[in-house]
Amino acid sequence: MQLSDWRSRNGLSLVEFGRRAGLSHTQVMRIERGLSGISTEAAKRIESATDGEVTAAELLGISGGVSEEATPFELALASEARALGLDPNAIARTAVEEAVKRARMDAWNEKNREAV
C-alpha cells in the first residue's frame, strides 16, 4: 500500500503523520513523492506508525526476494540498488537461476563421471 493512500484513508495530514512516525512533514512528503531516498530507519518508523500496513520493504522498493528476517544492511543495500536504477529482485532471480543451472551441471557431471 502506498503511504499517501494510507494517510488519506486514515485522515492524517503530513504533519500529523510525521509526528506519529517521528519524521518531519517535509521528509514524509518527499518520501511519498519519491523525491528522496528513504533510510532503513525511516522505513521501519513508517511501518511501525502504520501498524505494518505500509511495510518497510515496500517503501524500500523490495517486493519479495528479501526475507522478512532481512538485516538492516540487506534492506539498505536493496534500497541503494533501486536508487541506482537496479532491480534487486531481477538480480536475485538471475543469480538463483544460474546457481541452479551450475548445480544441475555439477550433479550430471558427477553422475556421469565414468562415461565422460
PDB file of N, CA and C in Angstrom:
ATOM      1  N   MET A   1       0.846  -1.177   0.000  1.00  0.00           N
ATOM      2  CA  MET A   1       0.000   0.000   0.000  1.00  0.00           C
ATOM      3  C   MET A   1       0.891   1.241   0.000  1.00  0.00           C
ATOM      4  N   GLN A   2       0.486   2.225  -0.754  1.00  0.00           N
ATOM      5  CA  GLN A   2       1.223   3.488  -0.809  1.00  0.00           C
ATOM      6  C   GLN A   2       0.991   4.276   0.481  1.00  0.00           C
ATOM      7  N   LEU A   3       2.025   4.950   0.942  1.00  0.00           N
ATOM      8  CA  LEU A   3       1.927   5.744   2.163  1.00  0.00           C
ATOM      9  C   LEU A   3       0.872   6.830   2.033  1.00  0.00           C
ATOM     10  N   SER A   4       0.847   7.537   0.906  1.00  0.00           N
ATOM     11  CA  SER A   4      -0.137   8.622   0.733  1.00  0.00           C
ATOM     12  C   SER A   4      -1.559   8.070   0.792  1.00  0.00           C
ATOM     13  N   ASP A   5      -1.781   6.883   0.215  1.00  0.00           N
ATOM     14  CA  ASP A   5      -3.106   6.257   0.283  1.00  0.00           C
ATOM     15  C   ASP A   5      -3.464   5.926   1.727  1.00  0.00           C
ATOM     16  N   TRP A   6      -2.505   5.395   2.462  1.00  0.00           N
ATOM     17  CA  TRP A   6      -2.746   5.043   3.850  1.00  0.00           C
ATOM     18  C   TRP A   6      -3.092   6.287   4.670  1.00  0.00           C
ATOM     19  N   ARG A   7      -2.308   7.350   4.456  1.00  0.00           N
ATOM     20  CA  ARG A   7      -2.565   8.600   5.196  1.00  0.00           C
ATOM     21  C   ARG A   7      -3.958   9.129   4.898  1.00  0.00           C
ATOM     22  N   SER A   8      -4.324   9.152   3.619  1.00  0.00           N
ATOM     23  CA  SER A   8      -5.645   9.651   3.221  1.00  0.00           C
ATOM     24  C   SER A   8      -6.754   8.809   3.847  1.00  0.00           C
ATOM     25  N   ARG A   9      -6.609   7.508   3.752  1.00  0.00           N
ATOM     26  CA  ARG A   9      -7.616   6.601   4.316  1.00  0.00           C
ATOM     27  C   ARG A   9      -7.790   6.793   5.821  1.00  0.00           C
ATOM     28  N   ASN A  10      -6.700   7.173   6.483  1.00  0.00           N
ATOM     29  CA  ASN A  10      -6.750   7.350   7.933  1.00  0.00           C
ATOM     30  C   ASN A  10      -6.917   8.810   8.348  1.00  0.00           C
ATOM     31  N   GLY A  11      -7.085   9.689   7.374  1.00  0.00           N
ATOM     32  CA  GLY A  11      -7.362  11.096   7.659  1.00  0.00           C
ATOM     33  C   GLY A  11      -6.245  11.850   8.360  1.00  0.00           C
ATOM     34  N   LEU A  12      -5.009  11.506   8.033  1.00  0.00           N
ATOM     35  CA  LEU A  12      -3.871  12.171   8.674  1.00  0.00           C
ATOM     36  C   LEU A  12      -3.181  13.113   7.696  1.00  0.00           C
ATOM     37  N   SER A  13      -2.854  14.291   8.168  1.00  0.00           N
ATOM     38  CA  SER A  13      -2.086  15.236   7.358  1.00  0.00           C
ATOM     39  C   SER A  13      -0.619  14.821   7.384  1.00  0.00           C
ATOM     40  N   LEU A  14       0.175  15.464   6.542  1.00  0.00           N
ATOM     41  CA  LEU A  14       1.615  15.209   6.550  1.00  0.00           C
ATOM     42  C   LEU A  14       2.210  15.489   7.922  1.00  0.00           C
ATOM     43  N   VAL A  15       1.778  16.599   8.519  1.00  0.00           N
ATOM     44  CA  VAL A  15       2.302  16.990   9.835  1.00  0.00           C
ATOM     45  C   VAL A  15       1.920  15.963  10.888  1.00  0.00           C
ATOM     46  N   GLU A  16       0.640  15.558  10.904  1.00  0.00           N
ATOM     47  CA  GLU A  16       0.184  14.584  11.898  1.00  0.00           C
ATOM     48  C   GLU A  16       0.910  13.250  11.746  1.00  0.00           C
ATOM     49  N   PHE A  17       1.023  12.809  10.507  1.00  0.00           N
ATOM     50  CA  PHE A  17       1.711  11.538  10.305  1.00  0.00           C
ATOM     51  C   PHE A  17       3.189  11.649  10.647  1.00  0.00           C
ATOM     52  N   GLY A  18       3.798  12.770  10.273  1.00  0.00           N
ATOM     53  CA  GLY A  18       5.206  12.973  10.603  1.00  0.00           C
ATOM     54  C   GLY A  18       5.455  12.871  12.101  1.00  0.00           C
ATOM     55  N   ARG A  19       4.578  13.484  12.885  1.00  0.00           N
ATOM     56  CA  ARG A  19       4.713  13.391  14.355  1.00  0.00           C
ATOM     57  C   ARG A  19       4.571  11.945  14.810  1.00  0.00           C
ATOM     58  N   ARG A  20       3.596  11.254  14.243  1.00  0.00           N
ATOM     59  CA  ARG A  20       3.338   9.868  14.628  1.00  0.00           C
ATOM     60  C   ARG A  20       4.545   8.978  14.324  1.00  0.00           C
ATOM     61  N   ALA A  21       5.209   9.244  13.186  1.00  0.00           N
ATOM     62  CA  ALA A  21       6.340   8.419  12.772  1.00  0.00           C
ATOM     63  C   ALA A  21       7.685   8.946  13.257  1.00  0.00           C
ATOM     64  N   GLY A  22       7.698  10.129  13.861  1.00  0.00           N
ATOM     65  CA  GLY A  22       8.962  10.708  14.306  1.00  0.00           C
ATOM     66  C   GLY A  22       9.794  11.246  13.158  1.00  0.00           C
ATOM     67  N   LEU A  23       9.103  11.737  12.109  1.00  0.00           N
ATOM     68  CA  LEU A  23       9.771  12.297  10.933  1.00  0.00           C
ATOM     69  C   LEU A  23       9.212  13.687  10.676  1.00  0.00           C
ATOM     70  N   SER A  24       9.943  14.504   9.938  1.00  0.00           N
ATOM     71  CA  SER A  24       9.417  15.823   9.591  1.00  0.00           C
ATOM     72  C   SER A  24       8.363  15.659   8.495  1.00  0.00           C
ATOM     73  N   HIS A  25       7.416  16.604   8.457  1.00  0.00           N
ATOM     74  CA  HIS A  25       6.391  16.525   7.415  1.00  0.00           C
ATOM     75  C   HIS A  25       7.011  16.674   6.026  1.00  0.00           C
ATOM     76  N   THR A  26       8.099  17.429   5.938  1.00  0.00           N
ATOM     77  CA  THR A  26       8.791  17.589   4.657  1.00  0.00           C
ATOM     78  C   THR A  26       9.384  16.256   4.213  1.00  0.00           C
ATOM     79  N   GLN A  27       9.971  15.533   5.142  1.00  0.00           N
ATOM     80  CA  GLN A  27      10.553  14.235   4.816  1.00  0.00           C
ATOM     81  C   GLN A  27       9.461  13.267   4.354  1.00  0.00           C
ATOM     82  N   VAL A  28       8.314  13.277   5.039  1.00  0.00           N
ATOM     83  CA  VAL A  28       7.203  12.398   4.655  1.00  0.00           C
ATOM     84  C   VAL A  28       6.736  12.747   3.240  1.00  0.00           C
ATOM     85  N   MET A  29       6.587  14.033   2.952  1.00  0.00           N
ATOM     86  CA  MET A  29       6.147  14.473   1.630  1.00  0.00           C
ATOM     87  C   MET A  29       7.137  14.023   0.560  1.00  0.00           C
ATOM     88  N   ARG A  30       8.427  14.177   0.813  1.00  0.00           N
ATOM     89  CA  ARG A  30       9.440  13.806  -0.176  1.00  0.00           C
ATOM     90  C   ARG A  30       9.454  12.289  -0.398  1.00  0.00           C
ATOM     91  N   ILE A  31       9.236  11.523   0.658  1.00  0.00           N
ATOM     92  CA  ILE A  31       9.175  10.061   0.536  1.00  0.00           C
ATOM     93  C   ILE A  31       7.953   9.671  -0.297  1.00  0.00           C
ATOM     94  N   GLU A  32       6.812  10.274  -0.001  1.00  0.00           N
ATOM     95  CA  GLU A  32       5.586   9.955  -0.741  1.00  0.00           C
ATOM     96  C   GLU A  32       5.714  10.270  -2.225  1.00  0.00           C
ATOM     97  N   ARG A  33       6.374  11.335  -2.536  1.00  0.00           N
ATOM     98  CA  ARG A  33       6.507  11.757  -3.942  1.00  0.00           C
ATOM     99  C   ARG A  33       7.713  11.150  -4.641  1.00  0.00           C
ATOM    100  N   GLY A  34       8.501  10.390  -3.899  1.00  0.00           N
ATOM    101  CA  GLY A  34       9.668   9.761  -4.491  1.00  0.00           C
ATOM    102  C   GLY A  34      10.781  10.741  -4.804  1.00  0.00           C
ATOM    103  N   LEU A  35      10.786  11.859  -4.090  1.00  0.00           N
ATOM    104  CA  LEU A  35      11.785  12.898  -4.353  1.00  0.00           C
ATOM    105  C   LEU A  35      13.096  12.668  -3.617  1.00  0.00           C
ATOM    106  N   SER A  36      13.069  11.750  -2.667  1.00  0.00           N
ATOM    107  CA  SER A  36      14.312  11.445  -1.959  1.00  0.00           C
ATOM    108  C   SER A  36      14.303   9.983  -1.572  1.00  0.00           C
ATOM    109  N   GLY A  37      15.489   9.463  -1.377  1.00  0.00           N
ATOM    110  CA  GLY A  37      15.598   8.090  -0.908  1.00  0.00           C
ATOM    111  C   GLY A  37      15.095   7.992   0.523  1.00  0.00           C
ATOM    112  N   ILE A  38      14.940   6.801   0.973  1.00  0.00           N
ATOM    113  CA  ILE A  38      14.462   6.600   2.346  1.00  0.00           C
ATOM    114  C   ILE A  38      15.446   5.690   3.059  1.00  0.00           C
ATOM    115  N   SER A  39      15.759   6.050   4.274  1.00  0.00           N
ATOM    116  CA  SER A  39      16.668   5.216   5.062  1.00  0.00           C
ATOM    117  C   SER A  39      15.898   4.024   5.614  1.00  0.00           C
ATOM    118  N   THR A  40      16.643   2.994   5.965  1.00  0.00           N
ATOM    119  CA  THR A  40      16.028   1.812   6.577  1.00  0.00           C
ATOM    120  C   THR A  40      15.321   2.206   7.860  1.00  0.00           C
ATOM    121  N   GLU A  41      15.936   3.091   8.640  1.00  0.00           N
ATOM    122  CA  GLU A  41      15.346   3.538   9.899  1.00  0.00           C
ATOM    123  C   GLU A  41      14.016   4.246   9.663  1.00  0.00           C
ATOM    124  N   ALA A  42      13.959   5.160   8.702  1.00  0.00           N
ATOM    125  CA  ALA A  42      12.711   5.878   8.400  1.00  0.00           C
ATOM    126  C   ALA A  42      11.653   4.906   7.908  1.00  0.00           C
ATOM    127  N   ALA A  43      12.044   3.943   7.076  1.00  0.00           N
ATOM    128  CA  ALA A  43      11.086   2.949   6.569  1.00  0.00           C
ATOM    129  C   ALA A  43      10.502   2.132   7.717  1.00  0.00           C
ATOM    130  N   LYS A  44      11.342   1.761   8.665  1.00  0.00           N
ATOM    131  CA  LYS A  44      10.858   0.994   9.817  1.00  0.00           C
ATOM    132  C   LYS A  44       9.939   1.844  10.696  1.00  0.00           C
ATOM    133  N   ARG A  45      10.240   3.133  10.832  1.00  0.00           N
ATOM    134  CA  ARG A  45       9.377   4.028  11.614  1.00  0.00           C
ATOM    135  C   ARG A  45       7.992   4.139  10.965  1.00  0.00           C
ATOM    136  N   ILE A  46       7.993   4.273   9.640  1.00  0.00           N
ATOM    137  CA  ILE A  46       6.727   4.378   8.916  1.00  0.00           C
ATOM    138  C   ILE A  46       5.943   3.070   9.034  1.00  0.00           C
ATOM    139  N   GLU A  47       6.625   1.959   8.904  1.00  0.00           N
ATOM    140  CA  GLU A  47       5.953   0.662   9.049  1.00  0.00           C
ATOM    141  C   GLU A  47       5.310   0.557  10.424  1.00  0.00           C
ATOM    142  N   SER A  48       6.031   0.965  11.440  1.00  0.00           N
ATOM    143  CA  SER A  48       5.504   0.927  12.802  1.00  0.00           C
ATOM    144  C   SER A  48       4.322   1.882  12.965  1.00  0.00           C
ATOM    145  N   ALA A  49       4.431   3.086  12.405  1.00  0.00           N
ATOM    146  CA  ALA A  49       3.371   4.089  12.542  1.00  0.00           C
ATOM    147  C   ALA A  49       2.094   3.686  11.816  1.00  0.00           C
ATOM    148  N   THR A  50       2.227   2.814  10.803  1.00  0.00           N
ATOM    149  CA  THR A  50       1.054   2.357  10.053  1.00  0.00           C
ATOM    150  C   THR A  50       0.620   0.967  10.499  1.00  0.00           C
ATOM    151  N   ASP A  51       1.142   0.517  11.622  1.00  0.00           N
ATOM    152  CA  ASP A  51       0.853  -0.825  12.142  1.00  0.00           C
ATOM    153  C   ASP A  51       1.100  -1.911  11.105  1.00  0.00           C
ATOM    154  N   GLY A  52       2.136  -1.711  10.298  1.00  0.00           N
ATOM    155  CA  GLY A  52       2.535  -2.708   9.328  1.00  0.00           C
ATOM    156  C   GLY A  52       1.749  -2.710   8.027  1.00  0.00           C
ATOM    157  N   GLU A  53       0.807  -1.791   7.879  1.00  0.00           N
ATOM    158  CA  GLU A  53       0.025  -1.754   6.637  1.00  0.00           C
ATOM    159  C   GLU A  53       0.847  -1.219   5.469  1.00  0.00           C
ATOM    160  N   VAL A  54       1.799  -0.340   5.752  1.00  0.00           N
ATOM    161  CA  VAL A  54       2.784   0.098   4.764  1.00  0.00           C
ATOM    162  C   VAL A  54       4.099  -0.480   5.270  1.00  0.00           C
ATOM    163  N   THR A  55       4.671  -1.401   4.516  1.00  0.00           N
ATOM    164  CA  THR A  55       5.851  -2.103   5.016  1.00  0.00           C
ATOM    165  C   THR A  55       7.147  -1.401   4.624  1.00  0.00           C
ATOM    166  N   ALA A  56       8.162  -1.652   5.423  1.00  0.00           N
ATOM    167  CA  ALA A  56       9.487  -1.109   5.123  1.00  0.00           C
ATOM    168  C   ALA A  56       9.965  -1.637   3.773  1.00  0.00           C
ATOM    169  N   ALA A  57       9.682  -2.897   3.494  1.00  0.00           N
ATOM    170  CA  ALA A  57      10.099  -3.483   2.212  1.00  0.00           C
ATOM    171  C   ALA A  57       9.464  -2.742   1.043  1.00  0.00           C
ATOM    172  N   GLU A  58       8.179  -2.424   1.149  1.00  0.00           N
ATOM    173  CA  GLU A  58       7.504  -1.672   0.083  1.00  0.00           C
ATOM    174  C   GLU A  58       8.157  -0.303  -0.096  1.00  0.00           C
ATOM    175  N   LEU A  59       8.405   0.367   1.017  1.00  0.00           N
ATOM    176  CA  LEU A  59       8.985   1.702   0.955  1.00  0.00           C
ATOM    177  C   LEU A  59      10.388   1.682   0.356  1.00  0.00           C
ATOM    178  N   LEU A  60      11.107   0.608   0.604  1.00  0.00           N
ATOM    179  CA  LEU A  60      12.465   0.488   0.098  1.00  0.00           C
ATOM    180  C   LEU A  60      12.484  -0.109  -1.306  1.00  0.00           C
ATOM    181  N   GLY A  61      11.305  -0.407  -1.833  1.00  0.00           N
ATOM    182  CA  GLY A  61      11.221  -0.932  -3.190  1.00  0.00           C
ATOM    183  C   GLY A  61      11.564  -2.393  -3.312  1.00  0.00           C
ATOM    184  N   ILE A  62      11.311  -3.122  -2.246  1.00  0.00           N
ATOM    185  CA  ILE A  62      11.620  -4.543  -2.243  1.00  0.00           C
ATOM    186  C   ILE A  62      10.302  -5.298  -2.247  1.00  0.00           C
ATOM    187  N   SER A  63      10.084  -6.077  -3.281  1.00  0.00           N
ATOM    188  CA  SER A  63       8.862  -6.883  -3.331  1.00  0.00           C
ATOM    189  C   SER A  63       9.263  -8.330  -3.472  1.00  0.00           C
ATOM    190  N   GLY A  64       9.247  -9.044  -2.386  1.00  0.00           N
ATOM    191  CA  GLY A  64       9.726 -10.417  -2.431  1.00  0.00           C
ATOM    192  C   GLY A  64      11.241 -10.406  -2.573  1.00  0.00           C
ATOM    193  N   GLY A  65      11.835 -11.556  -2.643  1.00  0.00           N
ATOM    194  CA  GLY A  65      13.265 -11.628  -2.865  1.00  0.00           C
ATOM    195  C   GLY A  65      14.088 -11.377  -1.616  1.00  0.00           C
ATOM    196  N   VAL A  66      13.566 -10.647  -0.661  1.00  0.00           N
ATOM    197  CA  VAL A  66      14.265 -10.400   0.590  1.00  0.00           C
ATOM    198  C   VAL A  66      13.383 -10.933   1.697  1.00  0.00           C
ATOM    199  N   SER A  67      13.910 -11.790   2.525  1.00  0.00           N
ATOM    200  CA  SER A  67      13.104 -12.423   3.558  1.00  0.00           C
ATOM    201  C   SER A  67      12.690 -11.423   4.631  1.00  0.00           C
ATOM    202  N   GLU A  68      11.678 -11.825   5.396  1.00  0.00           N
ATOM    203  CA  GLU A  68      11.224 -10.972   6.490  1.00  0.00           C
ATOM    204  C   GLU A  68      12.315 -10.781   7.533  1.00  0.00           C
ATOM    205  N   GLU A  69      13.293 -11.699   7.550  1.00  0.00           N
ATOM    206  CA  GLU A  69      14.399 -11.616   8.503  1.00  0.00           C
ATOM    207  C   GLU A  69      15.570 -10.827   7.936  1.00  0.00           C
ATOM    208  N   ALA A  70      15.354 -10.087   6.858  1.00  0.00           N
ATOM    209  CA  ALA A  70      16.435  -9.322   6.234  1.00  0.00           C
ATOM    210  C   ALA A  70      17.057  -8.369   7.243  1.00  0.00           C
ATOM    211  N   THR A  71      18.361  -8.281   7.201  1.00  0.00           N
ATOM    212  CA  THR A  71      19.079  -7.388   8.103  1.00  0.00           C
ATOM    213  C   THR A  71      18.943  -5.946   7.612  1.00  0.00           C
ATOM    214  N   PRO A  72      19.175  -4.978   8.477  1.00  0.00           N
ATOM    215  CA  PRO A  72      19.161  -3.588   8.023  1.00  0.00           C
ATOM    216  C   PRO A  72      20.133  -3.359   6.862  1.00  0.00           C
ATOM    217  N   PHE A  73      21.272  -4.061   6.881  1.00  0.00           N
ATOM    218  CA  PHE A  73      22.235  -3.929   5.789  1.00  0.00           C
ATOM    219  C   PHE A  73      21.625  -4.402   4.476  1.00  0.00           C
ATOM    220  N   GLU A  74      20.950  -5.548   4.494  1.00  0.00           N
ATOM    221  CA  GLU A  74      20.335  -6.082   3.276  1.00  0.00           C
ATOM    222  C   GLU A  74      19.243  -5.146   2.757  1.00  0.00           C
ATOM    223  N   LEU A  75      18.448  -4.598   3.666  1.00  0.00           N
ATOM    224  CA  LEU A  75      17.403  -3.654   3.260  1.00  0.00           C
ATOM    225  C   LEU A  75      18.019  -2.392   2.657  1.00  0.00           C
ATOM    226  N   ALA A  76      19.076  -1.892   3.302  1.00  0.00           N
ATOM    227  CA  ALA A  76      19.731  -0.683   2.797  1.00  0.00           C
ATOM    228  C   ALA A  76      20.394  -0.949   1.445  1.00  0.00           C
ATOM    229  N   LEU A  77      20.988  -2.117   1.295  1.00  0.00           N
ATOM    230  CA  LEU A  77      21.631  -2.468   0.035  1.00  0.00           C
ATOM    231  C   LEU A  77      20.602  -2.558  -1.092  1.00  0.00           C
ATOM    232  N   ALA A  78      19.463  -3.164  -0.823  1.00  0.00           N
ATOM    233  CA  ALA A  78      18.404  -3.249  -1.834  1.00  0.00           C
ATOM    234  C   ALA A  78      17.874  -1.864  -2.167  1.00  0.00           C
ATOM    235  N   SER A  79      17.750  -1.012  -1.168  1.00  0.00           N
ATOM    236  CA  SER A  79      17.292   0.353  -1.398  1.00  0.00           C
ATOM    237  C   SER A  79      18.290   1.118  -2.264  1.00  0.00           C
ATOM    238  N   GLU A  80      19.573   0.957  -1.974  1.00  0.00           N
ATOM    239  CA  GLU A  80      20.598   1.631  -2.767  1.00  0.00           C
ATOM    240  C   GLU A  80      20.589   1.123  -4.206  1.00  0.00           C
ATOM    241  N   ALA A  81      20.394  -0.184  -4.365  1.00  0.00           N
ATOM    242  CA  ALA A  81      20.331  -0.747  -5.714  1.00  0.00           C
ATOM    243  C   ALA A  81      19.187  -0.110  -6.496  1.00  0.00           C
ATOM    244  N   ARG A  82      18.023   0.018  -5.870  1.00  0.00           N
ATOM    245  CA  ARG A  82      16.872   0.662  -6.530  1.00  0.00           C
ATOM    246  C   ARG A  82      17.216   2.105  -6.899  1.00  0.00           C
ATOM    247  N   ALA A  83      17.869   2.819  -5.982  1.00  0.00           N
ATOM    248  CA  ALA A  83      18.225   4.217  -6.241  1.00  0.00           C
ATOM    249  C   ALA A  83      19.178   4.337  -7.424  1.00  0.00           C
ATOM    250  N   LEU A  84      19.957   3.297  -7.660  1.00  0.00           N
ATOM    251  CA  LEU A  84      20.900   3.287  -8.776  1.00  0.00           C
ATOM    252  C   LEU A  84      20.267   2.749 -10.061  1.00  0.00           C
ATOM    253  N   GLY A  85      18.961   2.492  -9.999  1.00  0.00           N
ATOM    254  CA  GLY A  85      18.254   2.014 -11.187  1.00  0.00           C
ATOM    255  C   GLY A  85      18.370   0.514 -11.406  1.00  0.00           C
ATOM    256  N   LEU A  86      18.790  -0.208 -10.386  1.00  0.00           N
ATOM    257  CA  LEU A  86      18.910  -1.661 -10.491  1.00  0.00           C
ATOM    258  C   LEU A  86      17.670  -2.314  -9.896  1.00  0.00           C
ATOM    259  N   ASP A  87      17.357  -3.506 -10.341  1.00  0.00           N
ATOM    260  CA  ASP A  87      16.219  -4.265  -9.820  1.00  0.00           C
ATOM    261  C   ASP A  87      16.762  -5.431  -8.999  1.00  0.00           C
ATOM    262  N   PRO A  88      16.808  -5.294  -7.659  1.00  0.00           N
ATOM    263  CA  PRO A  88      17.394  -6.356  -6.839  1.00  0.00           C
ATOM    264  C   PRO A  88      16.680  -7.692  -7.002  1.00  0.00           C
ATOM    265  N   ASN A  89      15.368  -7.665  -7.238  1.00  0.00           N
ATOM    266  CA  ASN A  89      14.631  -8.916  -7.393  1.00  0.00           C
ATOM    267  C   ASN A  89      15.044  -9.633  -8.673  1.00  0.00           C
ATOM    268  N   ALA A  90      15.213  -8.893  -9.760  1.00  0.00           N
ATOM    269  CA  ALA A  90      15.643  -9.496 -11.024  1.00  0.00           C
ATOM    270  C   ALA A  90      17.064 -10.041 -10.892  1.00  0.00           C
ATOM    271  N   ILE A  91      17.920  -9.301 -10.202  1.00  0.00           N
ATOM    272  CA  ILE A  91      19.300  -9.744  -9.997  1.00  0.00           C
ATOM    273  C   ILE A  91      19.313 -11.036  -9.179  1.00  0.00           C
ATOM    274  N   ALA A  92      18.507 -11.072  -8.119  1.00  0.00           N
ATOM    275  CA  ALA A  92      18.437 -12.266  -7.274  1.00  0.00           C
ATOM    276  C   ALA A  92      17.894 -13.454  -8.062  1.00  0.00           C
ATOM    277  N   ARG A  93      16.858 -13.219  -8.848  1.00  0.00           N
ATOM    278  CA  ARG A  93      16.269 -14.280  -9.659  1.00  0.00           C
ATOM    279  C   ARG A  93      17.311 -14.863 -10.630  1.00  0.00           C
ATOM    280  N   THR A  94      18.052 -13.981 -11.295  1.00  0.00           N
ATOM    281  CA  THR A  94      19.084 -14.415 -12.233  1.00  0.00           C
ATOM    282  C   THR A  94      20.175 -15.205 -11.516  1.00  0.00           C
ATOM    283  N   ALA A  95      20.579 -14.725 -10.349  1.00  0.00           N
ATOM    284  CA  ALA A  95      21.626 -15.418  -9.582  1.00  0.00           C
ATOM    285  C   ALA A  95      21.152 -16.811  -9.163  1.00  0.00           C
ATOM    286  N   VAL A  96      19.905 -16.936  -8.745  1.00  0.00           N
ATOM    287  CA  VAL A  96      19.368 -18.247  -8.346  1.00  0.00           C
ATOM    288  C   VAL A  96      19.296 -19.169  -9.562  1.00  0.00           C
ATOM    289  N   GLU A  97      18.813 -18.650 -10.692  1.00  0.00           N
ATOM    290  CA  GLU A  97      18.745 -19.462 -11.910  1.00  0.00           C
ATOM    291  C   GLU A  97      20.121 -19.980 -12.293  1.00  0.00           C
ATOM    292  N   GLU A  98      21.133 -19.113 -12.238  1.00  0.00           N
ATOM    293  CA  GLU A  98      22.487 -19.519 -12.590  1.00  0.00           C
ATOM    294  C   GLU A  98      23.043 -20.544 -11.600  1.00  0.00           C
ATOM    295  N   ALA A  99      22.756 -20.370 -10.316  1.00  0.00           N
ATOM    296  CA  ALA A  99      23.236 -21.317  -9.304  1.00  0.00           C
ATOM    297  C   ALA A  99      22.592 -22.687  -9.493  1.00  0.00           C
ATOM    298  N   VAL A 100      21.298 -22.704  -9.805  1.00  0.00           N
ATOM    299  CA  VAL A 100      20.604 -23.971 -10.043  1.00  0.00           C
ATOM    300  C   VAL A 100      21.173 -24.650 -11.286  1.00  0.00           C
ATOM    301  N   LYS A 101      21.413 -23.880 -12.336  1.00  0.00           N
ATOM    302  CA  LYS A 101      21.970 -24.427 -13.572  1.00  0.00           C
ATOM    303  C   LYS A 101      23.342 -25.054 -13.302  1.00  0.00           C
ATOM    304  N   ARG A 102      24.190 -24.336 -12.550  1.00  0.00           N
ATOM    305  CA  ARG A 102      25.523 -24.865 -12.214  1.00  0.00           C
ATOM    306  C   ARG A 102      25.409 -26.144 -11.393  1.00  0.00           C
ATOM    307  N   ALA A 103      24.487 -26.147 -10.411  1.00  0.00           N
ATOM    308  CA  ALA A 103      24.321 -27.325  -9.554  1.00  0.00           C
ATOM    309  C   ALA A 103      23.829 -28.521 -10.362  1.00  0.00           C
ATOM    310  N   ARG A 104      22.910 -28.281 -11.315  1.00  0.00           N
ATOM    311  CA  ARG A 104      22.444 -29.375 -12.180  1.00  0.00           C
ATOM    312  C   ARG A 104      23.594 -29.927 -13.017  1.00  0.00           C
ATOM    313  N   MET A 105      24.409 -29.034 -13.590  1.00  0.00           N
ATOM    314  CA  MET A 105      25.542 -29.478 -14.411  1.00  0.00           C
ATOM    315  C   MET A 105      26.540 -30.260 -13.565  1.00  0.00           C
ATOM    316  N   ASP A 106      26.817 -29.757 -12.366  1.00  0.00           N
ATOM    317  CA  ASP A 106      27.747 -30.463 -11.478  1.00  0.00           C
ATOM    318  C   ASP A 106      27.215 -31.850 -11.122  1.00  0.00           C
ATOM    319  N   ALA A 107      25.912 -31.932 -10.833  1.00  0.00           N
ATOM    320  CA  ALA A 107      25.299 -33.219 -10.494  1.00  0.00           C
ATOM    321  C   ALA A 107      25.352 -34.169 -11.683  1.00  0.00           C
ATOM    322  N   TRP A 108      25.085 -33.675 -12.887  1.00  0.00           N
ATOM    323  CA  TRP A 108      25.131 -34.506 -14.085  1.00  0.00           C
ATOM    324  C   TRP A 108      26.552 -34.994 -14.323  1.00  0.00           C
ATOM    325  N   ASN A 109      27.523 -34.081 -14.207  1.00  0.00           N
ATOM    326  CA  ASN A 109      28.930 -34.445 -14.401  1.00  0.00           C
ATOM    327  C   ASN A 109      29.354 -35.525 -13.397  1.00  0.00           C
ATOM    328  N   GLU A 110      28.938 -35.384 -12.158  1.00  0.00           N
ATOM    329  CA  GLU A 110      29.296 -36.351 -11.127  1.00  0.00           C
ATOM    330  C   GLU A 110      28.664 -37.705 -11.418  1.00  0.00           C
ATOM    331  N   LYS A 111      27.405 -37.683 -11.801  1.00  0.00           N
ATOM    332  CA  LYS A 111      26.673 -38.929 -12.093  1.00  0.00           C
ATOM    333  C   LYS A 111      27.272 -39.644 -13.296  1.00  0.00           C
ATOM    334  N   ASN A 112      27.738 -38.857 -14.261  1.00  0.00           N
ATOM    335  CA  ASN A 112      28.259 -39.440 -15.497  1.00  0.00           C
ATOM    336  C   ASN A 112      29.779 -39.368 -15.607  1.00  0.00           C
ATOM    337  N   ARG A 113      30.458 -39.278 -14.491  1.00  0.00           N
ATOM    338  CA  ARG A 113      31.898 -39.112 -14.457  1.00  0.00           C
ATOM    339  C   ARG A 113      32.634 -40.213 -15.226  1.00  0.00           C
ATOM    340  N   GLU A 114      32.256 -41.432 -15.002  1.00  0.00           N
ATOM    341  CA  GLU A 114      32.958 -42.545 -15.653  1.00  0.00           C
ATOM    342  C   GLU A 114      32.715 -42.545 -17.168  1.00  0.00           C
ATOM    343  N   ALA A 115      31.535 -42.190 -17.581  1.00  0.00           N
ATOM    344  CA  ALA A 115      31.199 -42.205 -19.013  1.00  0.00           C
ATOM    345  C   ALA A 115      31.906 -41.074 -19.746  1.00  0.00           C
ATOM    346  N   VAL A 116      32.160 -39.987 -19.070  1.00  0.00           N
ATOM    347  CA  VAL A 116      32.806 -38.840 -19.690  1.00  0.00           C
ATOM    348  C   VAL A 116      34.280 -39.057 -19.668  1.00  0.00           C
TER     349      VAL A 116
END
